Amino acid sequence: MRTNQSNKLSTNLSPERVKHFRKDNGWSQELLAKASGLSLRTIQRAEKDGNSSAETQLALAAALNISPKELFPVSSTLDVNWKRKNIMQSFLALIVVTGVVVMLAILAGGVSQFIDVQSMLFVMLFMYAATVIAFGSSGLIKSIKGLSYLFASEISSTPATEYLSLIFKKQIYFIYGAALIGLLIGSIAIHTNVDEAIVFHRAYAVNLIVLLYSAIFAEGILRPLSAKLEQRELVTQFD
């Protein structure tokens, strides 16, 4: 276990990230050297080309009160292996989930009464607009491309994996936020415009569809994706 950890820490650090965390603490190179018990020359070398030993990396992380992996360059790509078996398993699982939802809709009175294109568009557009605000257009593109990883296997843990998992987690909040806003707006409209009880109940049923769409996408896609990415990170830590 320790041997594997040392191997992972033996690669070069990110000079920019070392400088960022040092300046974030308001330290000079001399102060970081004293706090970490390293020489000034070692600090200068780490901030110049990232060249350092595993011991140096651990000492820097301890002094800066961060995880050692936060000192490494952020990977912009995911190391993913695609296996036909895993693709088929995930595809069949999605079919089962979709089938169960459709079956419940049929039992509840028919699929057509659960279809509302406007509500679906509102939920998706709100979630992705919030994603752009929080993570920029690059985060939006990553999240859309990342949907394909639902069918992937052997996703190696990298900073890119953690970043994508974070985006999916936040999108769960965004999509339920869209559902809440849709419910509130719909409720206000219903209570100010509907008088008859039968019409009132039908209008409220349509109003709840926005919450249904949010729950299906959040719990059927976003949360499993986030869990898959986190699982790979944990597996890597305990290998």
C-alpha atoms as a PDB file:
ATOM      1  CA  MET A   1       0.000   0.000   0.000  1.00  0.00           C
ATOM      2  CA  ARG A   2       2.726   2.502   0.952  1.00  0.00           C
ATOM      3  CA  THR A   3       4.775   1.506  -2.080  1.00  0.00           C
ATOM      4  CA  ASN A   4       1.898   2.299  -4.421  1.00  0.00           C
ATOM      5  CA  GLN A   5       1.342   5.616  -2.671  1.00  0.00           C
ATOM      6  CA  SER A   6       4.983   6.612  -3.042  1.00  0.00           C
ATOM      7  CA  ASN A   7       4.895   5.767  -6.738  1.00  0.00           C
ATOM      8  CA  LYS A   8       1.885   7.977  -7.259  1.00  0.00           C
ATOM      9  CA  LEU A   9       3.623  10.844  -5.454  1.00  0.00           C
ATOM     10  CA  SER A  10       6.881  10.561  -7.384  1.00  0.00           C
ATOM     11  CA  THR A  11       5.669  12.429 -10.469  1.00  0.00           C
ATOM     12  CA  ASN A  12       6.340  16.137 -10.969  1.00  0.00           C
ATOM     13  CA  LEU A  13       4.278  18.708  -9.140  1.00  0.00           C
ATOM     14  CA  SER A  14       2.495  21.607 -10.786  1.00  0.00           C
ATOM     15  CA  PRO A  15       4.691  24.686 -10.197  1.00  0.00           C
ATOM     16  CA  GLU A  16       1.646  26.930 -10.630  1.00  0.00           C
ATOM     17  CA  ARG A  17      -0.333  25.078  -7.967  1.00  0.00           C
ATOM     18  CA  VAL A  18       2.572  25.131  -5.502  1.00  0.00           C
ATOM     19  CA  LYS A  19       2.852  28.898  -5.982  1.00  0.00           C
ATOM     20  CA  HIS A  20      -0.932  29.304  -5.728  1.00  0.00           C
ATOM     21  CA  PHE A  21      -1.198  27.538  -2.370  1.00  0.00           C
ATOM     22  CA  ARG A  22       1.910  29.298  -1.008  1.00  0.00           C
ATOM     23  CA  LYS A  23       0.575  32.731  -1.944  1.00  0.00           C
ATOM     24  CA  ASP A  24      -2.884  31.774  -0.713  1.00  0.00           C
ATOM     25  CA  ASN A  25      -1.317  31.386   2.735  1.00  0.00           C
ATOM     26  CA  GLY A  26       0.478  34.700   2.325  1.00  0.00           C
ATOM     27  CA  TRP A  27       3.877  33.013   2.584  1.00  0.00           C
ATOM     28  CA  SER A  28       7.160  33.768   0.919  1.00  0.00           C
ATOM     29  CA  GLN A  29       9.337  30.923  -0.338  1.00  0.00           C
ATOM     30  CA  GLU A  30      11.443  31.293   2.810  1.00  0.00           C
ATOM     31  CA  LEU A  31       8.420  30.916   5.102  1.00  0.00           C
ATOM     32  CA  LEU A  32       7.220  27.841   3.195  1.00  0.00           C
ATOM     33  CA  ALA A  33      10.700  26.350   3.517  1.00  0.00           C
ATOM     34  CA  LYS A  34      10.631  26.854   7.304  1.00  0.00           C
ATOM     35  CA  ALA A  35       7.061  25.565   7.681  1.00  0.00           C
ATOM     36  CA  SER A  36       7.776  22.427   5.650  1.00  0.00           C
ATOM     37  CA  GLY A  37      11.290  21.774   7.000  1.00  0.00           C
ATOM     38  CA  LEU A  38      12.690  21.875   3.466  1.00  0.00           C
ATOM     39  CA  SER A  39      15.494  23.942   2.038  1.00  0.00           C
ATOM     40  CA  LEU A  40      14.829  27.163   0.121  1.00  0.00           C
ATOM     41  CA  ARG A  41      16.498  25.603  -2.905  1.00  0.00           C
ATOM     42  CA  THR A  42      14.008  22.697  -2.802  1.00  0.00           C
ATOM     43  CA  ILE A  43      11.074  25.121  -2.741  1.00  0.00           C
ATOM     44  CA  GLN A  44      12.522  27.101  -5.629  1.00  0.00           C
ATOM     45  CA  ARG A  45      13.025  23.941  -7.657  1.00  0.00           C
ATOM     46  CA  ALA A  46       9.447  22.804  -6.989  1.00  0.00           C
ATOM     47  CA  GLU A  47       8.087  26.161  -8.147  1.00  0.00           C
ATOM     48  CA  LYS A  48      10.320  26.252 -11.197  1.00  0.00           C
ATOM     49  CA  ASP A  49       9.869  22.846 -12.799  1.00  0.00           C
ATOM     50  CA  GLY A  50       7.855  20.788 -10.269  1.00  0.00           C
ATOM     51  CA  ASN A  51      10.732  18.348  -9.816  1.00  0.00           C
ATOM     52  CA  SER A  52      10.534  16.859  -6.310  1.00  0.00           C
ATOM     53  CA  SER A  53      10.688  13.647  -4.326  1.00  0.00           C
ATOM     54  CA  ALA A  54       7.768  11.933  -2.631  1.00  0.00           C
ATOM     55  CA  GLU A  55       9.037  13.130   0.761  1.00  0.00           C
ATOM     56  CA  THR A  56       9.136  16.731  -0.500  1.00  0.00           C
ATOM     57  CA  GLN A  57       5.583  16.469  -1.801  1.00  0.00           C
ATOM     58  CA  LEU A  58       4.290  15.115   1.499  1.00  0.00           C
ATOM     59  CA  ALA A  59       6.132  17.808   3.445  1.00  0.00           C
ATOM     60  CA  LEU A  60       4.708  20.563   1.256  1.00  0.00           C
ATOM     61  CA  ALA A  61       1.182  19.188   1.513  1.00  0.00           C
ATOM     62  CA  ALA A  62       1.458  18.930   5.304  1.00  0.00           C
ATOM     63  CA  ALA A  63       2.778  22.490   5.610  1.00  0.00           C
ATOM     64  CA  LEU A  64       0.049  23.869   3.346  1.00  0.00           C
ATOM     65  CA  ASN A  65      -2.618  21.721   5.053  1.00  0.00           C
ATOM     66  CA  ILE A  66      -3.854  20.198   1.799  1.00  0.00           C
ATOM     67  CA  SER A  67      -3.957  16.767   0.174  1.00  0.00           C
ATOM     68  CA  PRO A  68      -0.784  15.890  -1.802  1.00  0.00           C
ATOM     69  CA  LYS A  69      -2.832  15.307  -4.959  1.00  0.00           C
ATOM     70  CA  GLU A  70      -3.883  18.973  -4.930  1.00  0.00           C
ATOM     71  CA  LEU A  71      -0.280  19.886  -5.799  1.00  0.00           C
ATOM     72  CA  PHE A  72      -0.299  17.924  -9.053  1.00  0.00           C
ATOM     73  CA  PRO A  73      -1.316  19.186 -12.491  1.00  0.00           C
ATOM     74  CA  VAL A  74      -5.035  18.984 -13.173  1.00  0.00           C
ATOM     75  CA  SER A  75      -5.699  16.472 -15.919  1.00  0.00           C
ATOM     76  CA  SER A  76      -8.136  17.664 -18.570  1.00  0.00           C
ATOM     77  CA  THR A  77      -8.960  14.159 -19.779  1.00  0.00           C
ATOM     78  CA  LEU A  78     -10.362  10.999 -18.253  1.00  0.00           C
ATOM     79  CA  ASP A  79      -8.647   7.658 -18.604  1.00  0.00           C
ATOM     80  CA  VAL A  80     -11.552   5.419 -19.557  1.00  0.00           C
ATOM     81  CA  ASN A  81     -11.742   1.848 -20.760  1.00  0.00           C
ATOM     82  CA  TRP A  82     -14.801   0.772 -22.726  1.00  0.00           C
ATOM     83  CA  LYS A  83     -15.893  -2.857 -22.372  1.00  0.00           C
ATOM     84  CA  ARG A  84     -18.789  -4.285 -24.301  1.00  0.00           C
ATOM     85  CA  LYS A  85     -19.986  -6.219 -21.254  1.00  0.00           C
ATOM     86  CA  ASN A  86     -20.223  -3.080 -19.104  1.00  0.00           C
ATOM     87  CA  ILE A  87     -21.841  -1.098 -21.908  1.00  0.00           C
ATOM     88  CA  MET A  88     -24.528  -3.773 -22.296  1.00  0.00           C
ATOM     89  CA  GLN A  89     -25.062  -4.006 -18.520  1.00  0.00           C
ATOM     90  CA  SER A  90     -25.578  -0.260 -18.194  1.00  0.00           C
ATOM     91  CA  PHE A  91     -27.771  -0.158 -21.293  1.00  0.00           C
ATOM     92  CA  LEU A  92     -29.983  -2.971 -19.990  1.00  0.00           C
ATOM     93  CA  ALA A  93     -30.179  -1.288 -16.571  1.00  0.00           C
ATOM     94  CA  LEU A  94     -31.380   1.926 -18.227  1.00  0.00           C
ATOM     95  CA  ILE A  95     -33.957  -0.046 -20.194  1.00  0.00           C
ATOM     96  CA  VAL A  96     -35.221  -1.645 -16.964  1.00  0.00           C
ATOM     97  CA  VAL A  97     -35.464   1.715 -15.187  1.00  0.00           C
ATOM     98  CA  THR A  98     -37.206   3.285 -18.168  1.00  0.00           C
ATOM     99  CA  GLY A  99     -39.545   0.310 -18.433  1.00  0.00           C
ATOM    100  CA  VAL A 100     -40.506   0.551 -14.767  1.00  0.00           C
ATOM    101  CA  VAL A 101     -41.251   4.261 -15.065  1.00  0.00           C
ATOM    102  CA  VAL A 102     -43.323   3.719 -18.225  1.00  0.00           C
ATOM    103  CA  MET A 103     -45.190   0.822 -16.594  1.00  0.00           C
ATOM    104  CA  LEU A 104     -46.082   2.995 -13.601  1.00  0.00           C
ATOM    105  CA  ALA A 105     -47.235   5.737 -15.954  1.00  0.00           C
ATOM    106  CA  ILE A 106     -49.470   3.257 -17.811  1.00  0.00           C
ATOM    107  CA  LEU A 107     -50.931   2.002 -14.524  1.00  0.00           C
ATOM    108  CA  ALA A 108     -51.538   5.599 -13.473  1.00  0.00           C
ATOM    109  CA  GLY A 109     -53.693   6.272 -16.512  1.00  0.00           C
ATOM    110  CA  GLY A 110     -51.540   6.434 -19.621  1.00  0.00           C
ATOM    111  CA  VAL A 111     -48.163   7.703 -20.779  1.00  0.00           C
ATOM    112  CA  SER A 112     -49.564  10.657 -22.735  1.00  0.00           C
ATOM    113  CA  GLN A 113     -50.669  12.496 -19.604  1.00  0.00           C
ATOM    114  CA  PHE A 114     -47.060  12.508 -18.338  1.00  0.00           C
ATOM    115  CA  ILE A 115     -45.606  14.088 -21.466  1.00  0.00           C
ATOM    116  CA  ASP A 116     -45.045  17.827 -21.333  1.00  0.00           C
ATOM    117  CA  VAL A 117     -42.340  19.139 -23.666  1.00  0.00           C
ATOM    118  CA  GLN A 118     -42.336  22.645 -22.191  1.00  0.00           C
ATOM    119  CA  SER A 119     -41.663  21.362 -18.672  1.00  0.00           C
ATOM    120  CA  MET A 120     -38.891  19.090 -19.918  1.00  0.00           C
ATOM    121  CA  LEU A 121     -37.209  21.920 -21.817  1.00  0.00           C
ATOM    122  CA  PHE A 122     -37.475  24.240 -18.809  1.00  0.00           C
ATOM    123  CA  VAL A 123     -35.816  21.729 -16.484  1.00  0.00           C
ATOM    124  CA  MET A 124     -32.955  20.928 -18.860  1.00  0.00           C
ATOM    125  CA  LEU A 125     -32.306  24.522 -19.934  1.00  0.00           C
ATOM    126  CA  PHE A 126     -32.326  25.758 -16.344  1.00  0.00           C
ATOM    127  CA  MET A 127     -29.903  23.057 -15.206  1.00  0.00           C
ATOM    128  CA  TYR A 128     -27.454  23.627 -18.055  1.00  0.00           C
ATOM    129  CA  ALA A 129     -27.696  27.423 -17.756  1.00  0.00           C
ATOM    130  CA  ALA A 130     -26.826  27.127 -14.051  1.00  0.00           C
ATOM    131  CA  THR A 131     -23.936  24.837 -15.018  1.00  0.00           C
ATOM    132  CA  VAL A 132     -22.542  27.518 -17.338  1.00  0.00           C
ATOM    133  CA  ILE A 133     -22.807  30.115 -14.554  1.00  0.00           C
ATOM    134  CA  ALA A 134     -21.026  27.851 -12.059  1.00  0.00           C
ATOM    135  CA  PHE A 135     -18.447  26.085 -14.262  1.00  0.00           C
ATOM    136  CA  GLY A 136     -18.338  28.042 -17.509  1.00  0.00           C
ATOM    137  CA  SER A 137     -18.969  26.775 -21.016  1.00  0.00           C
ATOM    138  CA  SER A 138     -16.153  24.220 -20.652  1.00  0.00           C
ATOM    139  CA  GLY A 139     -17.928  22.713 -17.640  1.00  0.00           C
ATOM    140  CA  LEU A 140     -21.130  22.486 -19.661  1.00  0.00           C
ATOM    141  CA  ILE A 141     -19.363  20.669 -22.495  1.00  0.00           C
ATOM    142  CA  LYS A 142     -17.650  18.298 -20.051  1.00  0.00           C
ATOM    143  CA  SER A 143     -20.959  17.455 -18.382  1.00  0.00           C
ATOM    144  CA  ILE A 144     -22.689  16.711 -21.693  1.00  0.00           C
ATOM    145  CA  LYS A 145     -19.806  14.562 -22.937  1.00  0.00           C
ATOM    146  CA  GLY A 146     -19.588  12.947 -19.500  1.00  0.00           C
ATOM    147  CA  LEU A 147     -23.053  11.426 -19.868  1.00  0.00           C
ATOM    148  CA  SER A 148     -21.456   8.747 -22.048  1.00  0.00           C
ATOM    149  CA  TYR A 149     -19.367   7.549 -19.073  1.00  0.00           C
ATOM    150  CA  LEU A 150     -22.519   5.983 -17.685  1.00  0.00           C
ATOM    151  CA  PHE A 151     -21.650   3.091 -20.013  1.00  0.00           C
ATOM    152  CA  ALA A 152     -17.885   3.098 -19.331  1.00  0.00           C
ATOM    153  CA  SER A 153     -15.792   0.827 -17.152  1.00  0.00           C
ATOM    154  CA  GLU A 154     -12.398   1.130 -15.479  1.00  0.00           C
ATOM    155  CA  ILE A 155     -12.428   4.912 -15.082  1.00  0.00           C
ATOM    156  CA  SER A 156      -9.091   5.846 -13.557  1.00  0.00           C
ATOM    157  CA  SER A 157      -9.137   8.385 -10.730  1.00  0.00           C
ATOM    158  CA  THR A 158      -7.722  11.724 -11.903  1.00  0.00           C
ATOM    159  CA  PRO A 159      -8.418  15.380 -11.058  1.00  0.00           C
ATOM    160  CA  ALA A 160     -10.617  15.412 -14.167  1.00  0.00           C
ATOM    161  CA  THR A 161     -12.679  12.567 -12.681  1.00  0.00           C
ATOM    162  CA  GLU A 162     -13.187  14.469  -9.426  1.00  0.00           C
ATOM    163  CA  TYR A 163     -14.073  17.662 -11.302  1.00  0.00           C
ATOM    164  CA  LEU A 164     -16.678  15.900 -13.450  1.00  0.00           C
ATOM    165  CA  SER A 165     -18.139  14.219 -10.361  1.00  0.00           C
ATOM    166  CA  LEU A 166     -18.441  17.652  -8.726  1.00  0.00           C
ATOM    167  CA  ILE A 167     -20.264  19.026 -11.775  1.00  0.00           C
ATOM    168  CA  PHE A 168     -22.773  16.159 -11.702  1.00  0.00           C
ATOM    169  CA  LYS A 169     -23.351  16.647  -7.955  1.00  0.00           C
ATOM    170  CA  LYS A 170     -24.066  20.324  -8.440  1.00  0.00           C
ATOM    171  CA  GLN A 171     -26.326  19.590 -11.409  1.00  0.00           C
ATOM    172  CA  ILE A 172     -28.498  17.519  -9.083  1.00  0.00           C
ATOM    173  CA  TYR A 173     -29.019  20.649  -6.983  1.00  0.00           C
ATOM    174  CA  PHE A 174     -29.605  22.749 -10.097  1.00  0.00           C
ATOM    175  CA  ILE A 175     -32.237  20.419 -11.530  1.00  0.00           C
ATOM    176  CA  TYR A 176     -34.155  20.176  -8.258  1.00  0.00           C
ATOM    177  CA  GLY A 177     -33.887  23.956  -8.034  1.00  0.00           C
ATOM    178  CA  ALA A 178     -35.536  24.144 -11.440  1.00  0.00           C
ATOM    179  CA  ALA A 179     -38.291  21.842 -10.178  1.00  0.00           C
ATOM    180  CA  LEU A 180     -38.860  24.045  -7.118  1.00  0.00           C
ATOM    181  CA  ILE A 181     -39.073  27.208  -9.204  1.00  0.00           C
ATOM    182  CA  GLY A 182     -41.421  25.499 -11.671  1.00  0.00           C
ATOM    183  CA  LEU A 183     -43.649  24.278  -8.841  1.00  0.00           C
ATOM    184  CA  LEU A 184     -43.795  27.699  -7.211  1.00  0.00           C
ATOM    185  CA  ILE A 185     -44.591  29.533 -10.446  1.00  0.00           C
ATOM    186  CA  GLY A 186     -47.184  26.913 -11.404  1.00  0.00           C
ATOM    187  CA  SER A 187     -48.778  27.012  -7.945  1.00  0.00           C
ATOM    188  CA  ILE A 188     -49.072  30.794  -8.025  1.00  0.00           C
ATOM    189  CA  ALA A 189     -50.623  30.643 -11.486  1.00  0.00           C
ATOM    190  CA  ILE A 190     -53.065  27.929 -10.443  1.00  0.00           C
ATOM    191  CA  HIS A 191     -54.207  29.650  -7.254  1.00  0.00           C
ATOM    192  CA  THR A 192     -54.738  32.975  -8.996  1.00  0.00           C
ATOM    193  CA  ASN A 193     -56.546  31.677 -12.096  1.00  0.00           C
ATOM    194  CA  VAL A 194     -58.409  28.443 -11.261  1.00  0.00           C
ATOM    195  CA  ASP A 195     -61.771  28.386  -9.495  1.00  0.00           C
ATOM    196  CA  GLU A 196     -63.369  25.015 -10.144  1.00  0.00           C
ATOM    197  CA  ALA A 197     -62.094  22.093  -8.057  1.00  0.00           C
ATOM    198  CA  ILE A 198     -61.808  19.621 -10.971  1.00  0.00           C
ATOM    199  CA  VAL A 199     -59.820  22.010 -13.108  1.00  0.00           C
ATOM    200  CA  PHE A 200     -57.728  22.871 -10.064  1.00  0.00           C
ATOM    201  CA  HIS A 201     -56.722  19.241  -9.513  1.00  0.00           C
ATOM    202  CA  ARG A 202     -55.875  18.710 -13.193  1.00  0.00           C
ATOM    203  CA  ALA A 203     -53.767  21.856 -13.276  1.00  0.00           C
ATOM    204  CA  TYR A 204     -51.877  20.774 -10.173  1.00  0.00           C
ATOM    205  CA  ALA A 205     -51.205  17.360 -11.690  1.00  0.00           C
ATOM    206  CA  VAL A 206     -49.579  19.040 -14.697  1.00  0.00           C
ATOM    207  CA  ASN A 207     -47.655  21.295 -12.329  1.00  0.00           C
ATOM    208  CA  LEU A 208     -46.051  18.267 -10.661  1.00  0.00           C
ATOM    209  CA  ILE A 209     -44.637  16.958 -13.968  1.00  0.00           C
ATOM    210  CA  VAL A 210     -41.667  19.336 -13.702  1.00  0.00           C
ATOM    211  CA  LEU A 211     -40.703  17.632 -10.421  1.00  0.00           C
ATOM    212  CA  LEU A 212     -41.125  14.205 -12.021  1.00  0.00           C
ATOM    213  CA  TYR A 213     -38.749  15.064 -14.874  1.00  0.00           C
ATOM    214  CA  SER A 214     -36.184  16.468 -12.455  1.00  0.00           C
ATOM    215  CA  ALA A 215     -36.289  13.372 -10.259  1.00  0.00           C
ATOM    216  CA  ILE A 216     -35.976  10.967 -13.207  1.00  0.00           C
ATOM    217  CA  PHE A 217     -32.927  12.725 -14.664  1.00  0.00           C
ATOM    218  CA  ALA A 218     -31.265  13.399 -11.298  1.00  0.00           C
ATOM    219  CA  GLU A 219     -31.756   9.960  -9.761  1.00  0.00           C
ATOM    220  CA  GLY A 220     -31.608   7.907 -12.942  1.00  0.00           C
ATOM    221  CA  ILE A 221     -28.580   9.503 -14.605  1.00  0.00           C
ATOM    222  CA  LEU A 222     -26.743  12.225 -12.676  1.00  0.00           C
ATOM    223  CA  ARG A 223     -26.478  10.501  -9.293  1.00  0.00           C
ATOM    224  CA  PRO A 224     -25.405   7.102 -10.710  1.00  0.00           C
ATOM    225  CA  LEU A 225     -22.767   8.879 -12.822  1.00  0.00           C
ATOM    226  CA  SER A 226     -21.426  10.794  -9.836  1.00  0.00           C
ATOM    227  CA  ALA A 227     -21.383   7.598  -7.755  1.00  0.00           C
ATOM    228  CA  LYS A 228     -19.509   5.724 -10.509  1.00  0.00           C
ATOM    229  CA  LEU A 229     -16.805   8.398 -10.676  1.00  0.00           C
ATOM    230  CA  GLU A 230     -16.466   8.502  -6.878  1.00  0.00           C
ATOM    231  CA  GLN A 231     -16.340   4.711  -6.704  1.00  0.00           C
ATOM    232  CA  ARG A 232     -13.346   4.653  -9.064  1.00  0.00           C
ATOM    233  CA  GLU A 233     -11.564   7.174  -6.868  1.00  0.00           C
ATOM    234  CA  LEU A 234     -12.117   5.023  -3.769  1.00  0.00           C
ATOM    235  CA  VAL A 235     -11.049   1.848  -5.572  1.00  0.00           C
ATOM    236  CA  THR A 236      -7.825   3.547  -6.587  1.00  0.00           C
ATOM    237  CA  GLN A 237      -7.149   4.616  -2.998  1.00  0.00           C
ATOM    238  CA  PHE A 238      -7.614   1.097  -1.627  1.00  0.00           C
ATOM    239  CA  ASP A 239      -5.801  -0.819  -4.374  1.00  0.00           C
END
